[in-house]
Amino acid sequence: MFKNLSNTIEIVKEISVSIERQAVLQPLADYIQNKVNLQEEIHLNFICTHNSRRSHLSQIWAQTMAFHFQIQNVFCYSGGTEATAMFPKVAETLTNQGFQIQQLSQEQNPVYALKFDENQHPIICFSKTYFDDFNPKTNFSAIMTCNNADEGCPMVFGAESRFPIKYDDPKAFDGTELMNEKYAERSLQIASEMYFVFSQIN
């Protein structure tokens, strides 16, 4: 893993996850553990309304923590109820926290390749619907990262389980002097919670 990212994970390890949030996260950890016990692939699709901020951060940190804890056969995805674009501040925040990111295209909805380790496949990030052909169609878990997606998607077709793990939107601070701080804070919160989830897996 890249040194700067390893340094960030050392910080993440010290972030306390409240008992209340642990209770929210434990069912996802149990789902992953069951898949590990059955020696089955683990497909996690993180879903938010626009697939622009929270769902990408969750996808990326979950994939990174699976690698960190050497949990095999974990494949993380993200999607929205509609497609927009991955917000540029997300890529900037993750770069500052130690990831290496290449922007592969220049259109309104650019494609990014994000790496956490020089010898691992990059995570491909762009905004898409959760049912996009890029994402799994069956045998996956839907993780709802915002209220709107959770309420607006009473059914996620093909999902074998569903977990509401909701985060406040850093978009609330766009254009303010707190923007950089709040994006970094939300990223680290998500990282700490994905660290907790994968640290539970035997």
C-alpha atoms as a PDB file:
ATOM      1  CA  MET A   1       0.000   0.000   0.000  1.00  0.00           C
ATOM      2  CA  PHE A   2       1.229   3.521  -0.731  1.00  0.00           C
ATOM      3  CA  LYS A   3       3.092   5.013   2.228  1.00  0.00           C
ATOM      4  CA  ASN A   4       0.966   8.156   2.517  1.00  0.00           C
ATOM      5  CA  LEU A   5      -2.181   6.037   2.489  1.00  0.00           C
ATOM      6  CA  SER A   6      -0.746   3.730   5.149  1.00  0.00           C
ATOM      7  CA  ASN A   7      -0.090   6.822   7.242  1.00  0.00           C
ATOM      8  CA  THR A   8      -3.727   7.869   6.815  1.00  0.00           C
ATOM      9  CA  ILE A   9      -4.893   4.423   7.922  1.00  0.00           C
ATOM     10  CA  GLU A  10      -2.790   4.770  11.068  1.00  0.00           C
ATOM     11  CA  ILE A  11      -4.829   7.922  11.800  1.00  0.00           C
ATOM     12  CA  VAL A  12      -8.079   6.138  10.898  1.00  0.00           C
ATOM     13  CA  LYS A  13      -7.301   3.337  13.387  1.00  0.00           C
ATOM     14  CA  GLU A  14      -7.454   5.867  16.226  1.00  0.00           C
ATOM     15  CA  ILE A  15     -10.860   7.292  15.266  1.00  0.00           C
ATOM     16  CA  SER A  16     -13.473   6.025  17.691  1.00  0.00           C
ATOM     17  CA  VAL A  17     -16.633   4.453  16.251  1.00  0.00           C
ATOM     18  CA  SER A  18     -19.513   5.002  18.663  1.00  0.00           C
ATOM     19  CA  ILE A  19     -21.519   2.114  20.088  1.00  0.00           C
ATOM     20  CA  GLU A  20     -24.534   3.409  18.157  1.00  0.00           C
ATOM     21  CA  ARG A  21     -22.665   3.333  14.849  1.00  0.00           C
ATOM     22  CA  GLN A  22     -21.160  -0.065  15.626  1.00  0.00           C
ATOM     23  CA  ALA A  23     -24.718  -1.368  15.951  1.00  0.00           C
ATOM     24  CA  VAL A  24     -25.502   0.052  12.486  1.00  0.00           C
ATOM     25  CA  LEU A  25     -22.358  -1.460  10.967  1.00  0.00           C
ATOM     26  CA  GLN A  26     -22.385  -4.899  12.591  1.00  0.00           C
ATOM     27  CA  PRO A  27     -25.052  -6.430  10.279  1.00  0.00           C
ATOM     28  CA  LEU A  28     -22.829  -5.625   7.276  1.00  0.00           C
ATOM     29  CA  ALA A  29     -19.854  -7.211   9.027  1.00  0.00           C
ATOM     30  CA  ASP A  30     -21.997 -10.284   9.769  1.00  0.00           C
ATOM     31  CA  TYR A  31     -23.018 -10.501   6.104  1.00  0.00           C
ATOM     32  CA  ILE A  32     -19.373 -10.364   4.983  1.00  0.00           C
ATOM     33  CA  GLN A  33     -18.334 -12.914   7.601  1.00  0.00           C
ATOM     34  CA  ASN A  34     -21.040 -15.306   6.419  1.00  0.00           C
ATOM     35  CA  LYS A  35     -19.803 -14.988   2.838  1.00  0.00           C
ATOM     36  CA  VAL A  36     -16.236 -15.639   3.972  1.00  0.00           C
ATOM     37  CA  ASN A  37     -17.376 -18.723   5.908  1.00  0.00           C
ATOM     38  CA  LEU A  38     -19.143 -20.027   2.796  1.00  0.00           C
ATOM     39  CA  GLN A  39     -16.101 -19.175   0.629  1.00  0.00           C
ATOM     40  CA  GLU A  40     -18.322 -17.054  -1.615  1.00  0.00           C
ATOM     41  CA  GLU A  41     -17.471 -13.840  -3.439  1.00  0.00           C
ATOM     42  CA  ILE A  42     -18.551 -10.649  -1.682  1.00  0.00           C
ATOM     43  CA  HIS A  43     -20.195  -7.994  -3.873  1.00  0.00           C
ATOM     44  CA  LEU A  44     -21.016  -4.694  -2.149  1.00  0.00           C
ATOM     45  CA  ASN A  45     -22.873  -1.929  -3.983  1.00  0.00           C
ATOM     46  CA  PHE A  46     -22.880   1.427  -2.164  1.00  0.00           C
ATOM     47  CA  ILE A  47     -25.884   3.481  -3.255  1.00  0.00           C
ATOM     48  CA  CYS A  48     -26.649   7.187  -2.926  1.00  0.00           C
ATOM     49  CA  THR A  49     -28.935   9.488  -4.914  1.00  0.00           C
ATOM     50  CA  HIS A  50     -26.408  10.993  -7.339  1.00  0.00           C
ATOM     51  CA  ASN A  51     -23.410   8.651  -6.957  1.00  0.00           C
ATOM     52  CA  SER A  52     -21.215  11.718  -6.587  1.00  0.00           C
ATOM     53  CA  ARG A  53     -19.779  11.824  -3.051  1.00  0.00           C
ATOM     54  CA  ARG A  54     -20.719   9.464  -0.194  1.00  0.00           C
ATOM     55  CA  SER A  55     -21.245   6.318  -2.271  1.00  0.00           C
ATOM     56  CA  HIS A  56     -17.866   6.738  -3.982  1.00  0.00           C
ATOM     57  CA  LEU A  57     -16.072   7.373  -0.694  1.00  0.00           C
ATOM     58  CA  SER A  58     -17.719   4.271   0.773  1.00  0.00           C
ATOM     59  CA  GLN A  59     -16.882   2.079  -2.234  1.00  0.00           C
ATOM     60  CA  ILE A  60     -13.257   3.182  -2.245  1.00  0.00           C
ATOM     61  CA  TRP A  61     -12.652   2.842   1.482  1.00  0.00           C
ATOM     62  CA  ALA A  62     -14.419  -0.523   1.666  1.00  0.00           C
ATOM     63  CA  GLN A  63     -12.250  -1.921  -1.142  1.00  0.00           C
ATOM     64  CA  THR A  64      -9.148  -0.462   0.511  1.00  0.00           C
ATOM     65  CA  MET A  65      -9.956  -1.909   3.933  1.00  0.00           C
ATOM     66  CA  ALA A  66     -10.696  -5.334   2.453  1.00  0.00           C
ATOM     67  CA  PHE A  67      -7.176  -5.249   1.010  1.00  0.00           C
ATOM     68  CA  HIS A  68      -5.699  -3.897   4.252  1.00  0.00           C
ATOM     69  CA  PHE A  69      -7.207  -6.773   6.269  1.00  0.00           C
ATOM     70  CA  GLN A  70      -6.455  -9.307   3.497  1.00  0.00           C
ATOM     71  CA  ILE A  71     -10.089 -10.305   3.031  1.00  0.00           C
ATOM     72  CA  GLN A  72     -10.228 -12.104  -0.308  1.00  0.00           C
ATOM     73  CA  ASN A  73     -12.846 -11.932  -3.076  1.00  0.00           C
ATOM     74  CA  VAL A  74     -14.326  -8.570  -2.097  1.00  0.00           C
ATOM     75  CA  PHE A  75     -15.647  -6.500  -5.000  1.00  0.00           C
ATOM     76  CA  CYS A  76     -17.014  -3.032  -4.245  1.00  0.00           C
ATOM     77  CA  TYR A  77     -19.220  -0.916  -6.494  1.00  0.00           C
ATOM     78  CA  SER A  78     -21.250   2.263  -6.260  1.00  0.00           C
ATOM     79  CA  GLY A  79     -24.299   3.699  -7.960  1.00  0.00           C
ATOM     80  CA  GLY A  80     -27.130   6.173  -7.668  1.00  0.00           C
ATOM     81  CA  THR A  81     -30.801   6.477  -8.351  1.00  0.00           C
ATOM     82  CA  GLU A  82     -29.541   8.751 -11.147  1.00  0.00           C
ATOM     83  CA  ALA A  83     -26.128   9.441 -12.694  1.00  0.00           C
ATOM     84  CA  THR A  84     -24.400  12.839 -12.394  1.00  0.00           C
ATOM     85  CA  ALA A  85     -20.604  12.951 -11.905  1.00  0.00           C
ATOM     86  CA  MET A  86     -18.115  12.133  -9.201  1.00  0.00           C
ATOM     87  CA  PHE A  87     -17.586  15.490  -7.538  1.00  0.00           C
ATOM     88  CA  PRO A  88     -13.975  16.683  -8.109  1.00  0.00           C
ATOM     89  CA  LYS A  89     -13.430  17.471  -4.428  1.00  0.00           C
ATOM     90  CA  VAL A  90     -13.791  13.740  -3.681  1.00  0.00           C
ATOM     91  CA  ALA A  91     -10.821  12.915  -5.904  1.00  0.00           C
ATOM     92  CA  GLU A  92      -8.829  15.808  -4.444  1.00  0.00           C
ATOM     93  CA  THR A  93      -9.595  14.712  -0.873  1.00  0.00           C
ATOM     94  CA  LEU A  94      -8.608  11.102  -1.543  1.00  0.00           C
ATOM     95  CA  THR A  95      -5.396  12.191  -3.264  1.00  0.00           C
ATOM     96  CA  ASN A  96      -4.518  14.230  -0.172  1.00  0.00           C
ATOM     97  CA  GLN A  97      -5.154  11.134   1.951  1.00  0.00           C
ATOM     98  CA  GLY A  98      -2.698   8.999  -0.038  1.00  0.00           C
ATOM     99  CA  PHE A  99      -4.493   7.464  -3.025  1.00  0.00           C
ATOM    100  CA  GLN A 100      -3.123   7.820  -6.553  1.00  0.00           C
ATOM    101  CA  ILE A 101      -5.784   8.947  -9.020  1.00  0.00           C
ATOM    102  CA  GLN A 102      -5.790   9.326 -12.789  1.00  0.00           C
ATOM    103  CA  GLN A 103      -8.612  11.047 -14.628  1.00  0.00           C
ATOM    104  CA  LEU A 104      -9.126   8.924 -17.731  1.00  0.00           C
ATOM    105  CA  SER A 105     -11.664  11.068 -19.578  1.00  0.00           C
ATOM    106  CA  GLN A 106     -12.751  14.674 -19.790  1.00  0.00           C
ATOM    107  CA  GLU A 107     -16.521  14.542 -20.390  1.00  0.00           C
ATOM    108  CA  GLN A 108     -19.138  15.876 -17.953  1.00  0.00           C
ATOM    109  CA  ASN A 109     -19.104  12.536 -16.139  1.00  0.00           C
ATOM    110  CA  PRO A 110     -15.378  11.729 -16.122  1.00  0.00           C
ATOM    111  CA  VAL A 111     -13.915   8.297 -15.425  1.00  0.00           C
ATOM    112  CA  TYR A 112     -11.238   8.016 -12.723  1.00  0.00           C
ATOM    113  CA  ALA A 113      -8.807   5.191 -11.995  1.00  0.00           C
ATOM    114  CA  LEU A 114      -7.883   5.132  -8.324  1.00  0.00           C
ATOM    115  CA  LYS A 115      -5.088   3.024  -6.822  1.00  0.00           C
ATOM    116  CA  PHE A 116      -4.317   2.184  -3.196  1.00  0.00           C
ATOM    117  CA  ASP A 117      -1.344  -0.077  -3.991  1.00  0.00           C
ATOM    118  CA  GLU A 118       1.042  -0.045  -6.942  1.00  0.00           C
ATOM    119  CA  ASN A 119       0.467  -3.740  -7.726  1.00  0.00           C
ATOM    120  CA  GLN A 120      -3.324  -3.864  -7.359  1.00  0.00           C
ATOM    121  CA  HIS A 121      -5.993  -3.218  -9.986  1.00  0.00           C
ATOM    122  CA  PRO A 122      -7.309   0.346  -9.869  1.00  0.00           C
ATOM    123  CA  ILE A 123     -10.819   1.084  -8.675  1.00  0.00           C
ATOM    124  CA  ILE A 124     -12.744   2.554 -11.616  1.00  0.00           C
ATOM    125  CA  CYS A 125     -14.957   5.438 -10.536  1.00  0.00           C
ATOM    126  CA  PHE A 126     -17.624   7.341 -12.430  1.00  0.00           C
ATOM    127  CA  SER A 127     -21.203   8.275 -11.672  1.00  0.00           C
ATOM    128  CA  LYS A 128     -23.749   5.648 -12.704  1.00  0.00           C
ATOM    129  CA  THR A 129     -27.100   4.267 -11.662  1.00  0.00           C
ATOM    130  CA  TYR A 130     -26.976   1.367  -9.237  1.00  0.00           C
ATOM    131  CA  PHE A 131     -28.461  -0.881 -11.935  1.00  0.00           C
ATOM    132  CA  ASP A 132     -25.879   0.149 -14.555  1.00  0.00           C
ATOM    133  CA  ASP A 133     -24.317  -2.725 -16.511  1.00  0.00           C
ATOM    134  CA  PHE A 134     -20.999  -1.913 -14.786  1.00  0.00           C
ATOM    135  CA  ASN A 135     -22.506  -3.111 -11.494  1.00  0.00           C
ATOM    136  CA  PRO A 136     -23.604  -6.596 -10.387  1.00  0.00           C
ATOM    137  CA  LYS A 137     -27.138  -7.699 -11.207  1.00  0.00           C
ATOM    138  CA  THR A 138     -27.610 -10.432  -8.581  1.00  0.00           C
ATOM    139  CA  ASN A 139     -25.987 -11.826  -5.426  1.00  0.00           C
ATOM    140  CA  PHE A 140     -24.893  -8.454  -4.067  1.00  0.00           C
ATOM    141  CA  SER A 141     -25.587  -6.416  -0.969  1.00  0.00           C
ATOM    142  CA  ALA A 142     -27.051  -2.915  -1.317  1.00  0.00           C
ATOM    143  CA  ILE A 143     -25.621  -0.443   1.181  1.00  0.00           C
ATOM    144  CA  MET A 144     -27.692   2.737   1.282  1.00  0.00           C
ATOM    145  CA  THR A 145     -25.450   5.688   2.160  1.00  0.00           C
ATOM    146  CA  CYS A 146     -28.064   8.466   2.153  1.00  0.00           C
ATOM    147  CA  ASN A 147     -31.680   8.994   3.249  1.00  0.00           C
ATOM    148  CA  ASN A 148     -32.995   9.882  -0.205  1.00  0.00           C
ATOM    149  CA  ALA A 149     -31.737   6.698  -1.854  1.00  0.00           C
ATOM    150  CA  ASP A 150     -32.949   4.572   1.047  1.00  0.00           C
ATOM    151  CA  GLU A 151     -36.438   6.104   0.947  1.00  0.00           C
ATOM    152  CA  GLY A 152     -36.575   6.388  -2.851  1.00  0.00           C
ATOM    153  CA  CYS A 153     -35.577   2.755  -3.481  1.00  0.00           C
ATOM    154  CA  PRO A 154     -37.998   0.543  -1.583  1.00  0.00           C
ATOM    155  CA  MET A 155     -36.672  -2.284  -3.772  1.00  0.00           C
ATOM    156  CA  VAL A 156     -33.155  -2.772  -5.119  1.00  0.00           C
ATOM    157  CA  PHE A 157     -33.667  -5.506  -7.665  1.00  0.00           C
ATOM    158  CA  GLY A 158     -31.136  -8.321  -7.510  1.00  0.00           C
ATOM    159  CA  ALA A 159     -29.871  -7.454  -4.025  1.00  0.00           C
ATOM    160  CA  GLU A 160     -29.801 -10.352  -1.574  1.00  0.00           C
ATOM    161  CA  SER A 161     -29.483  -8.011   1.406  1.00  0.00           C
ATOM    162  CA  ARG A 162     -29.731  -4.329   2.208  1.00  0.00           C
ATOM    163  CA  PHE A 163     -28.075  -2.216   4.889  1.00  0.00           C
ATOM    164  CA  PRO A 164     -28.825   1.456   5.663  1.00  0.00           C
ATOM    165  CA  ILE A 165     -25.455   2.994   6.590  1.00  0.00           C
ATOM    166  CA  LYS A 166     -26.114   6.693   6.140  1.00  0.00           C
ATOM    167  CA  TYR A 167     -23.714   9.625   6.123  1.00  0.00           C
ATOM    168  CA  ASP A 168     -24.232  13.381   6.187  1.00  0.00           C
ATOM    169  CA  ASP A 169     -23.553  14.955   2.803  1.00  0.00           C
ATOM    170  CA  PRO A 170     -20.389  17.100   2.659  1.00  0.00           C
ATOM    171  CA  LYS A 171     -22.099  18.933  -0.218  1.00  0.00           C
ATOM    172  CA  ALA A 172     -23.654  21.131   2.496  1.00  0.00           C
ATOM    173  CA  PHE A 173     -20.263  22.839   2.799  1.00  0.00           C
ATOM    174  CA  ASP A 174     -19.565  23.360  -0.930  1.00  0.00           C
ATOM    175  CA  GLY A 175     -18.282  26.864  -1.593  1.00  0.00           C
ATOM    176  CA  THR A 176     -17.592  27.607   2.077  1.00  0.00           C
ATOM    177  CA  GLU A 177     -14.307  28.032   3.911  1.00  0.00           C
ATOM    178  CA  LEU A 178     -15.027  24.739   5.703  1.00  0.00           C
ATOM    179  CA  MET A 179     -15.266  22.742   2.453  1.00  0.00           C
ATOM    180  CA  ASN A 180     -11.815  21.116   2.512  1.00  0.00           C
ATOM    181  CA  GLU A 181     -12.074  20.295   6.205  1.00  0.00           C
ATOM    182  CA  LYS A 182     -15.560  18.757   5.941  1.00  0.00           C
ATOM    183  CA  TYR A 183     -14.763  16.588   2.913  1.00  0.00           C
ATOM    184  CA  ALA A 184     -11.658  15.285   4.682  1.00  0.00           C
ATOM    185  CA  GLU A 185     -13.666  14.709   7.855  1.00  0.00           C
ATOM    186  CA  ARG A 186     -16.405  12.762   6.051  1.00  0.00           C
ATOM    187  CA  SER A 187     -13.838  10.676   4.176  1.00  0.00           C
ATOM    188  CA  LEU A 188     -12.076   9.771   7.415  1.00  0.00           C
ATOM    189  CA  GLN A 189     -15.372   8.937   9.127  1.00  0.00           C
ATOM    190  CA  ILE A 190     -16.276   6.537   6.324  1.00  0.00           C
ATOM    191  CA  ALA A 191     -12.748   5.106   6.400  1.00  0.00           C
ATOM    192  CA  SER A 192     -12.962   4.496  10.149  1.00  0.00           C
ATOM    193  CA  GLU A 193     -16.308   2.729   9.799  1.00  0.00           C
ATOM    194  CA  MET A 194     -15.127   0.526   6.934  1.00  0.00           C
ATOM    195  CA  TYR A 195     -12.033  -0.204   9.039  1.00  0.00           C
ATOM    196  CA  PHE A 196     -14.333  -1.317  11.850  1.00  0.00           C
ATOM    197  CA  VAL A 197     -16.393  -3.542   9.525  1.00  0.00           C
ATOM    198  CA  PHE A 198     -13.441  -5.378   8.006  1.00  0.00           C
ATOM    199  CA  SER A 199     -11.570  -5.623  11.318  1.00  0.00           C
ATOM    200  CA  GLN A 200     -14.422  -7.890  12.509  1.00  0.00           C
ATOM    201  CA  ILE A 201     -13.823 -10.496   9.807  1.00  0.00           C
ATOM    202  CA  ASN A 202     -12.014 -13.714  10.705  1.00  0.00           C
END
